[in-house]
Amino acid sequence: MQQPVTATPPKGPKNTTIQLFRGVAILGVILSHTCPEGMWSVVCRPLVNICVPLFLFFSGYLTKIENTDWATFFKKRIVRVVIPYLIWTVIYTIQTGNLKRLPVNILTTNAASHLYYIFVYIQFVLLTPMLGKLAKSKYGWLVWFITPVFLLFYKYLPLSHGKDPSGYTEIICRVLCLGWVTIYYLGLVLGNRILVKKYSMTALIALYAASIVLQVGEGYGWLMMGSSNPGSILKFTGIVTAVAFLLIVYTILERGGLKRCNRLLVMIGDYSFGLYLCHVLVMRLLRLTPFYDSLPYLVNSALVLVISLAFCFAAHKILGDKASRWVGIR
């Protein structure tokens, strides 16, 4: 996502490459949310699940842990996402027609399920000083175990009893950052040169491809066990897929970025925060039409993308740069 959720990217090819991958990420978000359930989710979601990891990875990668003014850091980062969050929570609550739920929606992100990302991001902003100190200490390796342990208790133990997390447990765990610590921390240690290593692109691509196959297999197992979200990336194989892909992106950035970037993907990356915030509303409104639910997968994804992008582009033109940032359009 753009300025509201990460530090300013470096200038030059690296910046363009990051924006391109942000474009890839938001396409993945839309493809995930428009994907049919069941076996479609099992087979297709592993191919696009790198969306949220890309956003969080860049947030860590572009954050410097050497900071003498953390108060300003917190204020700048958090205010930039809280205001759009509040605006869009009101919009989504109005769309549901139940304004009495507004206080609860603000506290739980229940106005729209994808808004959980804002809470996760804010937690990482607040935890950055501590994670930075841990990364430079002899205990930094312990951070890598947080996500696997969380997933074990949040996902695997309930699923072993034939049920998904539900009620307040599901709400709390959904907005906690624990399932994403590995991703953000990876960006933080790589971006701050705490972990410096050259990776074989061939080996990384092989690992990524193998993890996709394993993720499909695990997703099928989850489906057979009664999971309502078998395509979720928040499983062991999903994290492996994310790490492999992110190391590929990191290697590309370390080599100076892509020499040629697709302009459309870069533009989509520029509007990725606005697309993230508005695309679910577009989907909800399209479902009120008689034809949307009959559209095949990918056609529905393309329609949501085109309408969402048109909305963001028009809103940016009308509001201008400054107002657009506060509303979360760009």
Protein backbone atom coordinates (compact mmCIF):
# COMPACT_ATOMS: atom_id res chain seq x y z
CA MET A 1 0.00 0.00 0.00
CA GLN A 2 1.08 3.58 -0.48
CA GLN A 3 2.29 6.27 1.91
CA PRO A 4 -0.31 5.74 4.66
CA VAL A 5 1.01 2.30 5.56
CA THR A 6 4.74 2.32 4.92
CA ALA A 7 7.73 4.59 4.91
CA THR A 8 8.64 6.46 1.75
CA PRO A 9 10.20 4.06 -0.77
CA PRO A 10 13.68 4.80 -2.13
CA LYS A 11 13.82 6.74 -5.38
CA GLY A 12 14.65 5.15 -8.72
CA PRO A 13 14.12 1.59 -9.99
CA LYS A 14 13.68 0.20 -6.46
CA ASN A 15 10.75 2.54 -5.84
CA THR A 16 9.09 1.57 -9.12
CA THR A 17 9.68 -2.11 -8.38
CA ILE A 18 8.10 -1.78 -4.93
CA GLN A 19 5.08 -0.02 -6.42
CA LEU A 20 4.78 -2.77 -9.02
CA PHE A 21 4.75 -5.45 -6.33
CA ARG A 22 2.20 -3.43 -4.37
CA GLY A 23 0.11 -3.59 -7.53
CA VAL A 24 0.61 -7.37 -7.59
CA ALA A 25 -0.39 -7.49 -3.92
CA ILE A 26 -3.68 -5.63 -4.35
CA LEU A 27 -4.53 -7.80 -7.35
CA GLY A 28 -3.97 -10.77 -5.06
CA VAL A 29 -6.32 -9.26 -2.48
CA ILE A 30 -9.10 -8.86 -5.04
CA LEU A 31 -8.50 -12.32 -6.50
CA SER A 32 -8.66 -13.79 -2.99
CA HIS A 33 -11.88 -12.03 -2.04
CA THR A 34 -13.64 -12.85 -5.32
CA CYS A 35 -12.53 -16.50 -5.29
CA PRO A 36 -15.33 -19.08 -4.88
CA GLU A 37 -15.29 -21.21 -1.75
CA GLY A 38 -14.51 -24.92 -1.46
CA MET A 39 -12.06 -26.51 -3.88
CA TRP A 40 -11.69 -23.27 -5.83
CA SER A 41 -10.28 -21.71 -2.68
CA VAL A 42 -8.00 -24.70 -2.04
CA VAL A 43 -6.49 -24.60 -5.53
CA CYS A 44 -6.50 -20.89 -6.41
CA ARG A 45 -5.81 -19.08 -3.15
CA PRO A 46 -2.25 -20.42 -2.71
CA LEU A 47 -1.35 -18.67 -5.97
CA VAL A 48 -2.48 -15.24 -4.74
CA ASN A 49 -1.99 -15.50 -0.98
CA ILE A 50 1.17 -13.41 -1.08
CA CYS A 51 -0.95 -10.22 -1.05
CA VAL A 52 -1.03 -9.31 2.67
CA PRO A 53 2.53 -10.62 3.25
CA LEU A 54 3.81 -8.27 0.54
CA PHE A 55 2.21 -5.24 2.19
CA LEU A 56 3.51 -6.16 5.65
CA PHE A 57 6.95 -7.08 4.34
CA PHE A 58 7.35 -3.68 2.68
CA SER A 59 6.17 -2.00 5.88
CA GLY A 60 9.05 -3.66 7.73
CA TYR A 61 11.55 -3.39 4.89
CA LEU A 62 11.09 0.38 4.59
CA THR A 63 11.16 1.05 8.34
CA LYS A 64 14.41 2.13 9.99
CA ILE A 65 14.91 0.86 13.53
CA GLU A 66 17.50 3.53 14.34
CA ASN A 67 15.17 6.31 15.46
CA THR A 68 15.61 9.07 18.03
CA ASP A 69 11.99 10.29 17.86
CA TRP A 70 9.64 7.34 18.18
CA ALA A 71 6.76 9.58 19.30
CA THR A 72 6.73 11.35 15.93
CA PHE A 73 7.09 7.99 14.18
CA PHE A 74 4.04 6.61 16.00
CA LYS A 75 1.98 9.74 15.39
CA LYS A 76 2.78 9.96 11.69
CA ARG A 77 2.20 6.30 10.92
CA ILE A 78 -0.87 5.69 13.09
CA VAL A 79 -2.79 8.89 12.32
CA ARG A 80 -2.35 8.24 8.60
CA VAL A 81 -4.24 4.94 8.86
CA VAL A 82 -6.65 5.62 11.74
CA ILE A 83 -8.46 8.46 9.96
CA PRO A 84 -9.10 6.43 6.77
CA TYR A 85 -10.08 3.48 8.95
CA LEU A 86 -12.71 5.55 10.79
CA ILE A 87 -14.04 7.06 7.55
CA TRP A 88 -14.37 3.70 5.84
CA THR A 89 -15.83 2.03 8.91
CA VAL A 90 -18.60 4.64 8.84
CA ILE A 91 -19.11 4.06 5.10
CA TYR A 92 -19.32 0.28 5.48
CA THR A 93 -21.62 0.59 8.49
CA ILE A 94 -23.96 2.90 6.58
CA GLN A 95 -23.97 0.40 3.72
CA THR A 96 -25.21 -2.32 6.08
CA GLY A 97 -28.01 -0.02 7.29
CA ASN A 98 -27.29 -0.60 10.98
CA LEU A 99 -25.67 2.53 12.43
CA LYS A 100 -26.22 1.24 15.96
CA ARG A 101 -23.35 -1.14 15.27
CA LEU A 102 -20.89 1.69 14.57
CA PRO A 103 -19.15 1.74 18.01
CA VAL A 104 -18.76 -2.05 17.95
CA ASN A 105 -17.57 -1.97 14.35
CA ILE A 106 -14.92 0.61 15.18
CA LEU A 107 -13.58 -1.51 18.03
CA THR A 108 -13.70 -4.86 16.23
CA THR A 109 -13.21 -4.09 12.48
CA ASN A 110 -16.50 -5.92 11.91
CA ALA A 111 -17.82 -3.31 9.47
CA ALA A 112 -15.83 -5.20 6.82
CA SER A 113 -13.58 -8.16 7.45
CA HIS A 114 -10.60 -6.83 5.46
CA LEU A 115 -10.26 -3.81 7.76
CA TYR A 116 -8.47 -6.03 10.27
CA TYR A 117 -5.27 -5.15 8.40
CA ILE A 118 -5.30 -1.62 9.86
CA PHE A 119 -5.27 -2.99 13.41
CA VAL A 120 -2.49 -5.42 12.53
CA TYR A 121 -0.43 -2.66 10.97
CA ILE A 122 -0.87 -0.34 13.98
CA GLN A 123 0.34 -3.09 16.30
CA PHE A 124 3.49 -3.52 14.23
CA VAL A 125 4.10 0.24 14.30
CA LEU A 126 3.91 0.18 18.10
CA LEU A 127 6.06 -2.95 18.36
CA THR A 128 8.77 -1.76 15.98
CA PRO A 129 11.15 -0.35 18.66
CA MET A 130 10.98 -3.61 20.64
CA LEU A 131 11.33 -5.79 17.54
CA GLY A 132 14.29 -3.70 16.44
CA LYS A 133 16.05 -4.20 19.77
CA LEU A 134 15.33 -7.91 19.70
CA ALA A 135 16.61 -8.18 16.13
CA LYS A 136 19.97 -6.75 17.21
CA SER A 137 20.18 -8.89 20.35
CA LYS A 138 21.15 -12.50 20.88
CA TYR A 139 17.46 -13.32 21.46
CA GLY A 140 16.30 -12.20 18.02
CA TRP A 141 15.89 -15.81 16.85
CA LEU A 142 13.01 -16.27 19.30
CA VAL A 143 10.82 -13.91 17.27
CA TRP A 144 10.69 -16.44 14.43
CA PHE A 145 8.72 -18.84 16.66
CA ILE A 146 5.87 -16.44 17.49
CA THR A 147 3.84 -17.02 14.32
CA PRO A 148 4.14 -20.86 14.27
CA VAL A 149 3.16 -21.12 17.95
CA PHE A 150 0.22 -18.76 17.45
CA LEU A 151 -1.02 -20.72 14.44
CA LEU A 152 -0.72 -23.96 16.38
CA PHE A 153 -3.12 -22.73 19.06
CA TYR A 154 -5.33 -20.49 16.90
CA LYS A 155 -5.78 -22.74 13.87
CA TYR A 156 -4.51 -26.27 14.28
CA LEU A 157 -5.80 -27.21 17.72
CA PRO A 158 -9.40 -26.02 17.05
CA LEU A 159 -9.32 -27.66 13.62
CA SER A 160 -8.18 -30.94 15.15
CA HIS A 161 -11.50 -30.92 17.03
CA GLY A 162 -13.43 -30.23 13.82
CA LYS A 163 -14.17 -26.54 14.28
CA ASP A 164 -12.89 -23.12 13.36
CA PRO A 165 -12.23 -20.37 15.92
CA SER A 166 -15.49 -18.52 16.55
CA GLY A 167 -17.11 -15.75 18.59
CA TYR A 168 -14.88 -13.37 20.49
CA THR A 169 -11.93 -15.71 20.13
CA GLU A 170 -12.10 -15.38 16.36
CA ILE A 171 -12.44 -11.58 16.53
CA ILE A 172 -9.50 -11.19 18.92
CA CYS A 173 -7.22 -13.54 17.02
CA ARG A 174 -8.16 -12.02 13.68
CA VAL A 175 -7.05 -8.53 14.68
CA LEU A 176 -3.92 -9.64 16.54
CA CYS A 177 -0.64 -9.28 14.67
CA LEU A 178 0.80 -12.57 15.99
CA GLY A 179 0.00 -14.55 12.85
CA TRP A 180 2.02 -12.08 10.76
CA VAL A 181 5.09 -11.48 12.95
CA THR A 182 7.35 -13.65 10.77
CA ILE A 183 6.47 -11.56 7.71
CA TYR A 184 6.96 -8.10 9.22
CA TYR A 185 10.07 -9.17 11.11
CA LEU A 186 11.59 -10.59 7.93
CA GLY A 187 11.15 -7.22 6.23
CA LEU A 188 12.58 -5.42 9.24
CA VAL A 189 15.78 -7.49 9.52
CA LEU A 190 16.39 -7.51 5.76
CA GLY A 191 15.66 -3.81 5.26
CA ASN A 192 17.92 -2.83 8.16
CA ARG A 193 20.73 -5.12 7.02
CA ILE A 194 20.61 -7.14 10.22
CA LEU A 195 20.22 -10.25 8.13
CA VAL A 196 22.50 -9.98 5.12
CA LYS A 197 22.64 -12.95 2.81
CA LYS A 198 22.62 -13.66 -0.90
CA TYR A 199 20.03 -16.16 -2.07
CA SER A 200 19.96 -18.34 -5.15
CA MET A 201 17.01 -17.25 -7.28
CA THR A 202 16.72 -20.75 -8.71
CA ALA A 203 16.53 -22.29 -5.24
CA LEU A 204 13.97 -19.72 -4.08
CA ILE A 205 11.73 -20.30 -7.10
CA ALA A 206 11.94 -24.06 -6.53
CA LEU A 207 11.03 -23.61 -2.86
CA TYR A 208 8.14 -21.32 -3.79
CA ALA A 209 6.77 -23.80 -6.35
CA ALA A 210 7.09 -26.75 -3.94
CA SER A 211 5.39 -24.80 -1.15
CA ILE A 212 2.45 -24.02 -3.45
CA VAL A 213 1.92 -27.73 -4.04
CA LEU A 214 2.17 -28.43 -0.31
CA GLN A 215 -0.20 -25.56 0.46
CA VAL A 216 -2.81 -26.99 -1.91
CA GLY A 217 -2.44 -30.37 -0.21
CA GLU A 218 -2.79 -28.89 3.26
CA GLY A 219 -5.74 -26.77 2.15
CA TYR A 220 -7.48 -29.91 0.89
CA GLY A 221 -6.88 -31.53 4.27
CA TRP A 222 -8.38 -28.50 5.99
CA LEU A 223 -11.41 -28.68 3.70
CA MET A 224 -11.94 -32.34 4.57
CA MET A 225 -11.68 -31.46 8.27
CA GLY A 226 -14.49 -28.92 7.94
CA SER A 227 -12.60 -25.64 7.75
CA SER A 228 -14.62 -22.74 6.37
CA ASN A 229 -11.46 -21.08 5.02
CA PRO A 230 -9.16 -23.81 3.68
CA GLY A 231 -7.40 -21.41 1.33
CA SER A 232 -6.15 -19.14 4.11
CA ILE A 233 -2.46 -18.30 4.09
CA LEU A 234 -2.39 -18.52 7.87
CA LYS A 235 -1.14 -22.08 7.95
CA PHE A 236 2.37 -23.51 8.10
CA THR A 237 2.70 -24.12 4.35
CA GLY A 238 1.23 -20.70 3.62
CA ILE A 239 3.92 -18.99 5.68
CA VAL A 240 6.61 -20.97 3.84
CA THR A 241 5.12 -19.83 0.52
CA ALA A 242 5.08 -16.22 1.69
CA VAL A 243 8.68 -16.30 2.95
CA ALA A 244 9.92 -17.88 -0.29
CA PHE A 245 8.16 -15.28 -2.43
CA LEU A 246 9.31 -12.40 -0.25
CA LEU A 247 12.91 -13.55 -0.48
CA ILE A 248 12.51 -13.55 -4.27
CA VAL A 249 11.27 -9.94 -4.07
CA TYR A 250 14.11 -9.04 -1.70
CA THR A 251 16.69 -10.54 -4.06
CA ILE A 252 15.25 -8.51 -6.95
CA LEU A 253 15.45 -5.33 -4.86
CA GLU A 254 19.02 -6.10 -3.77
CA ARG A 255 19.97 -6.42 -7.43
CA GLY A 256 18.70 -2.89 -8.03
CA GLY A 257 15.06 -3.60 -8.87
CA LEU A 258 13.42 -4.43 -12.16
CA LYS A 259 14.78 -2.59 -15.18
CA ARG A 260 11.37 -2.55 -16.83
CA CYS A 261 8.11 -2.32 -14.90
CA ASN A 262 4.59 -2.64 -16.24
CA ARG A 263 3.09 0.85 -16.01
CA LEU A 264 -0.41 -0.42 -15.28
CA LEU A 265 0.80 -2.50 -12.32
CA VAL A 266 2.78 0.46 -11.01
CA MET A 267 -0.31 2.70 -11.24
CA ILE A 268 -2.40 0.05 -9.48
CA GLY A 269 0.31 -0.04 -6.80
CA ASP A 270 0.05 3.74 -6.40
CA TYR A 271 -3.67 3.34 -5.62
CA SER A 272 -3.32 0.10 -3.67
CA PHE A 273 -4.41 1.51 -0.29
CA GLY A 274 -7.55 3.03 -1.77
CA LEU A 275 -8.27 -0.16 -3.73
CA TYR A 276 -7.86 -2.17 -0.55
CA LEU A 277 -10.31 0.01 1.36
CA CYS A 278 -13.01 0.30 -1.31
CA HIS A 279 -13.04 -3.00 -3.22
CA VAL A 280 -15.22 -4.86 -0.69
CA LEU A 281 -17.81 -2.08 -0.89
CA VAL A 282 -17.77 -2.44 -4.67
CA MET A 283 -18.31 -6.18 -4.28
CA ARG A 284 -21.23 -5.64 -1.90
CA LEU A 285 -22.91 -3.20 -4.27
CA LEU A 286 -22.36 -5.48 -7.26
CA ARG A 287 -24.05 -8.30 -5.37
CA LEU A 288 -27.21 -6.20 -5.37
CA THR A 289 -27.32 -6.57 -9.15
CA PRO A 290 -28.94 -9.61 -10.82
CA PHE A 291 -25.86 -10.65 -12.79
CA TYR A 292 -22.78 -10.41 -10.55
CA ASP A 293 -23.11 -13.76 -8.78
CA SER A 294 -23.44 -15.53 -12.12
CA LEU A 295 -20.12 -14.21 -13.40
CA PRO A 296 -17.26 -16.72 -13.63
CA TYR A 297 -14.20 -16.35 -11.46
CA LEU A 298 -11.63 -13.88 -12.83
CA VAL A 299 -14.35 -12.06 -14.78
CA ASN A 300 -15.87 -10.96 -11.46
CA SER A 301 -12.34 -10.11 -10.23
CA ALA A 302 -11.67 -7.94 -13.28
CA LEU A 303 -14.99 -6.13 -12.88
CA VAL A 304 -14.31 -5.35 -9.22
CA LEU A 305 -10.81 -4.12 -10.07
CA VAL A 306 -11.94 -1.85 -12.92
CA ILE A 307 -14.75 -0.23 -10.91
CA SER A 308 -12.59 0.17 -7.81
CA LEU A 309 -9.73 1.67 -9.80
CA ALA A 310 -12.08 4.05 -11.59
CA PHE A 311 -13.49 5.16 -8.24
CA CYS A 312 -10.03 5.76 -6.75
CA PHE A 313 -8.83 7.62 -9.84
CA ALA A 314 -11.91 9.88 -9.91
CA ALA A 315 -11.80 10.50 -6.14
CA HIS A 316 -8.13 11.45 -6.33
CA LYS A 317 -8.81 13.90 -9.15
CA ILE A 318 -11.67 15.49 -7.22
CA LEU A 319 -10.07 15.57 -3.77
CA GLY A 320 -6.45 16.25 -4.68
CA ASP A 321 -3.33 14.70 -3.15
CA LYS A 322 -3.67 15.87 0.46
CA ALA A 323 -7.35 15.05 0.98
CA SER A 324 -6.92 11.77 -0.88
CA ARG A 325 -4.24 10.66 1.60
CA TRP A 326 -6.48 11.41 4.57
CA VAL A 327 -9.39 9.51 3.05
CA GLY A 328 -7.05 6.67 2.15
CA ILE A 329 -7.50 6.89 -1.60
CA ARG A 330 -3.79 7.24 -2.33
